[in-house]
Amino acid sequence: MRTYDDTFSGQKIYPGKGKLFVRADSKIFRFQNGKTESLFLQRKNPRRIAWTVLCRRQRRKGISEEQAKTRRRRQVKSQRAVVGASLDVIKERRSQRPEARAAARTQATSAAKEKRAAAQSVKKAEKAKGAAKSAAGQSTGRVVGKQAAKGAAPKVKATTR
């Protein structure tokens, strides 16, 4: 048995029932009864008329049987180890007194500063050595451009008449 949906209300139209309306542009509209046809011809919006299927869908009415509530998963909180420290170390540090933690922190920062200063002094020494070497090399040789160093043909000088 073939059933159609009402163009306006969205309800089923059974065989032998309803009206068929064909617009001038050959578009077909099917109506269950004169009520839906009249509302359609008045250009009423079916989403604003409470008993239509479109309105009920918009307000999520009557779909509780079809669709059960979605189950939400509860977040399970767990403690994990951080890259630098295991879970035991983290718990141990938490249980320490604040003064002891502050002292350890200051000691660690001072050690890091010393290490950084040593690295910078080594870097400065290397830079100074490299600058001295390049200064000595520049006085003897001629300056070569980037393209010439790559093997490009020498630039032809422009001549005037």
Protein backbone atom coordinates (compact mmCIF):
# COMPACT_ATOMS: atom_id res chain seq x y z
CA MET A 1 0.00 0.00 0.00
CA ARG A 2 1.53 3.29 -1.13
CA THR A 3 1.23 6.24 1.25
CA TYR A 4 2.34 9.83 0.67
CA ASP A 5 3.41 12.51 3.10
CA ASP A 6 1.39 15.68 3.45
CA THR A 7 3.46 18.56 2.04
CA PHE A 8 2.38 20.94 4.79
CA SER A 9 1.84 18.87 7.94
CA GLY A 10 4.11 15.88 7.19
CA GLN A 11 1.41 13.35 8.18
CA LYS A 12 0.63 10.22 6.15
CA ILE A 13 -1.96 10.27 3.36
CA TYR A 14 -3.55 6.88 2.74
CA PRO A 15 -4.91 5.75 -0.66
CA GLY A 16 -8.24 7.35 -1.60
CA LYS A 17 -7.71 10.27 0.75
CA GLY A 18 -6.29 13.76 0.36
CA LYS A 19 -5.95 16.35 -2.38
CA LEU A 20 -3.35 16.90 -5.07
CA PHE A 21 -2.35 20.45 -5.94
CA VAL A 22 -0.23 21.15 -9.02
CA ARG A 23 1.32 24.59 -9.20
CA ALA A 24 1.88 26.50 -12.46
CA ASP A 25 5.57 25.47 -12.45
CA SER A 26 4.45 21.78 -12.42
CA LYS A 27 5.45 21.18 -8.80
CA ILE A 28 3.15 18.71 -7.04
CA PHE A 29 1.84 19.25 -3.50
CA ARG A 30 -0.21 16.65 -1.63
CA PHE A 31 -2.52 17.55 1.24
CA GLN A 32 -4.28 15.31 3.74
CA ASN A 33 -7.36 17.52 3.99
CA GLY A 34 -8.70 21.00 3.26
CA LYS A 35 -7.23 22.33 6.49
CA THR A 36 -3.61 21.73 5.46
CA GLU A 37 -4.30 22.92 1.91
CA SER A 38 -5.85 26.15 3.21
CA LEU A 39 -2.90 26.82 5.54
CA PHE A 40 -0.45 26.15 2.68
CA LEU A 41 -2.27 28.54 0.35
CA GLN A 42 -2.24 31.19 3.11
CA ARG A 43 1.56 30.76 3.07
CA LYS A 44 1.65 29.81 6.74
CA ASN A 45 4.92 28.44 8.10
CA PRO A 46 4.40 24.79 9.21
CA ARG A 47 7.21 25.14 11.77
CA ARG A 48 5.06 27.64 13.68
CA ILE A 49 1.89 25.54 13.75
CA ALA A 50 2.04 23.32 16.82
CA TRP A 51 0.46 20.12 15.47
CA THR A 52 2.61 19.72 12.33
CA VAL A 53 5.41 17.18 12.20
CA LEU A 54 7.99 19.87 11.40
CA CYS A 55 7.06 21.86 14.51
CA ARG A 56 7.13 18.77 16.74
CA ARG A 57 10.55 17.78 15.38
CA GLN A 58 11.87 21.28 15.95
CA ARG A 59 10.77 21.16 19.60
CA ARG A 60 11.92 17.51 20.02
CA LYS A 61 8.47 16.17 20.87
CA GLY A 62 7.45 12.52 20.72
CA ILE A 63 10.88 11.11 19.92
CA SER A 64 11.57 9.66 23.38
CA GLU A 65 10.39 6.15 22.35
CA GLU A 66 12.63 6.02 19.29
CA GLN A 67 15.76 7.50 20.76
CA ALA A 68 16.94 6.59 24.24
CA LYS A 69 18.94 9.16 26.15
CA THR A 70 22.60 9.06 25.24
CA ARG A 71 24.73 7.66 28.03
CA ARG A 72 27.51 9.91 29.18
CA ARG A 73 30.79 8.45 30.32
CA ARG A 74 32.03 9.79 33.61
CA GLN A 75 35.57 11.06 33.69
CA VAL A 76 37.84 8.79 35.65
CA LYS A 77 40.52 10.81 37.37
CA SER A 78 43.86 9.10 37.67
CA GLN A 79 47.33 10.29 38.53
CA ARG A 80 50.05 9.57 36.02
CA ALA A 81 53.78 10.03 36.09
CA VAL A 82 55.26 13.06 34.35
CA VAL A 83 58.10 12.62 31.86
CA GLY A 84 60.85 13.64 34.31
CA ALA A 85 59.48 11.99 37.47
CA SER A 86 57.68 8.81 38.46
CA LEU A 87 54.45 8.78 40.47
CA ASP A 88 56.33 7.89 43.69
CA VAL A 89 58.62 10.92 43.34
CA ILE A 90 55.64 13.22 42.72
CA LYS A 91 53.82 11.93 45.82
CA GLU A 92 57.00 12.28 47.90
CA ARG A 93 57.46 15.90 46.81
CA ARG A 94 53.83 16.68 47.60
CA SER A 95 54.24 15.41 51.12
CA GLN A 96 57.41 17.53 51.71
CA ARG A 97 57.26 20.70 53.75
CA PRO A 98 57.10 23.95 51.73
CA GLU A 99 60.43 25.21 53.14
CA ALA A 100 62.29 22.11 52.01
CA ARG A 101 60.73 22.36 48.53
CA ALA A 102 61.67 26.04 48.25
CA ALA A 103 65.28 25.30 49.24
CA ALA A 104 65.53 22.49 46.68
CA ARG A 105 64.07 24.76 44.01
CA THR A 106 66.55 27.59 44.68
CA GLN A 107 69.44 25.10 44.63
CA ALA A 108 68.25 23.68 41.29
CA THR A 109 67.86 27.15 39.73
CA SER A 110 71.33 28.25 40.85
CA ALA A 111 72.87 25.08 39.39
CA ALA A 112 71.05 25.70 36.09
CA LYS A 113 72.27 29.33 36.00
CA GLU A 114 75.87 28.24 36.56
CA LYS A 115 75.61 25.67 33.79
CA ARG A 116 74.14 28.25 31.40
CA ALA A 117 76.89 30.78 32.26
CA ALA A 118 79.59 28.17 31.61
CA ALA A 119 78.03 27.30 28.23
CA GLN A 120 77.87 30.99 27.25
CA SER A 121 81.52 31.59 28.18
CA VAL A 122 82.59 28.62 26.03
CA LYS A 123 80.48 29.97 23.18
CA LYS A 124 82.05 33.45 23.53
CA ALA A 125 85.56 31.98 23.46
CA GLU A 126 84.78 30.01 20.27
CA LYS A 127 83.26 33.09 18.64
CA ALA A 128 86.31 35.21 19.48
CA LYS A 129 88.63 32.53 18.10
CA GLY A 130 86.55 32.31 14.88
CA ALA A 131 86.52 36.11 14.48
CA ALA A 132 90.32 36.28 14.83
CA LYS A 133 90.76 33.51 12.27
CA SER A 134 88.39 35.16 9.74
CA ALA A 135 90.08 38.56 10.19
CA ALA A 136 93.42 36.99 9.36
CA GLY A 137 91.96 35.21 6.32
CA GLN A 138 90.29 38.33 4.92
CA SER A 139 93.46 40.41 4.82
CA THR A 140 95.22 37.94 2.50
CA GLY A 141 92.45 36.79 0.11
CA ARG A 142 89.98 38.67 -2.00
CA VAL A 143 86.25 38.93 -1.19
CA VAL A 144 84.08 36.47 -3.13
CA GLY A 145 80.31 36.93 -3.51
CA LYS A 146 77.75 34.26 -2.71
CA GLN A 147 76.97 33.47 -6.38
CA ALA A 148 80.68 33.31 -7.27
CA ALA A 149 81.27 30.90 -4.41
CA LYS A 150 78.55 28.65 -5.86
CA GLY A 151 80.34 28.64 -9.22
CA ALA A 152 78.39 31.24 -11.19
CA ALA A 153 79.94 32.96 -14.23
CA PRO A 154 81.67 36.28 -13.41
CA LYS A 155 79.63 39.42 -13.99
CA VAL A 156 80.53 41.29 -17.20
CA LYS A 157 81.30 44.93 -16.53
CA ALA A 158 79.33 47.48 -18.56
CA THR A 159 81.40 49.49 -20.99
CA THR A 160 80.60 52.99 -22.15
CA ARG A 161 81.44 54.58 -25.49
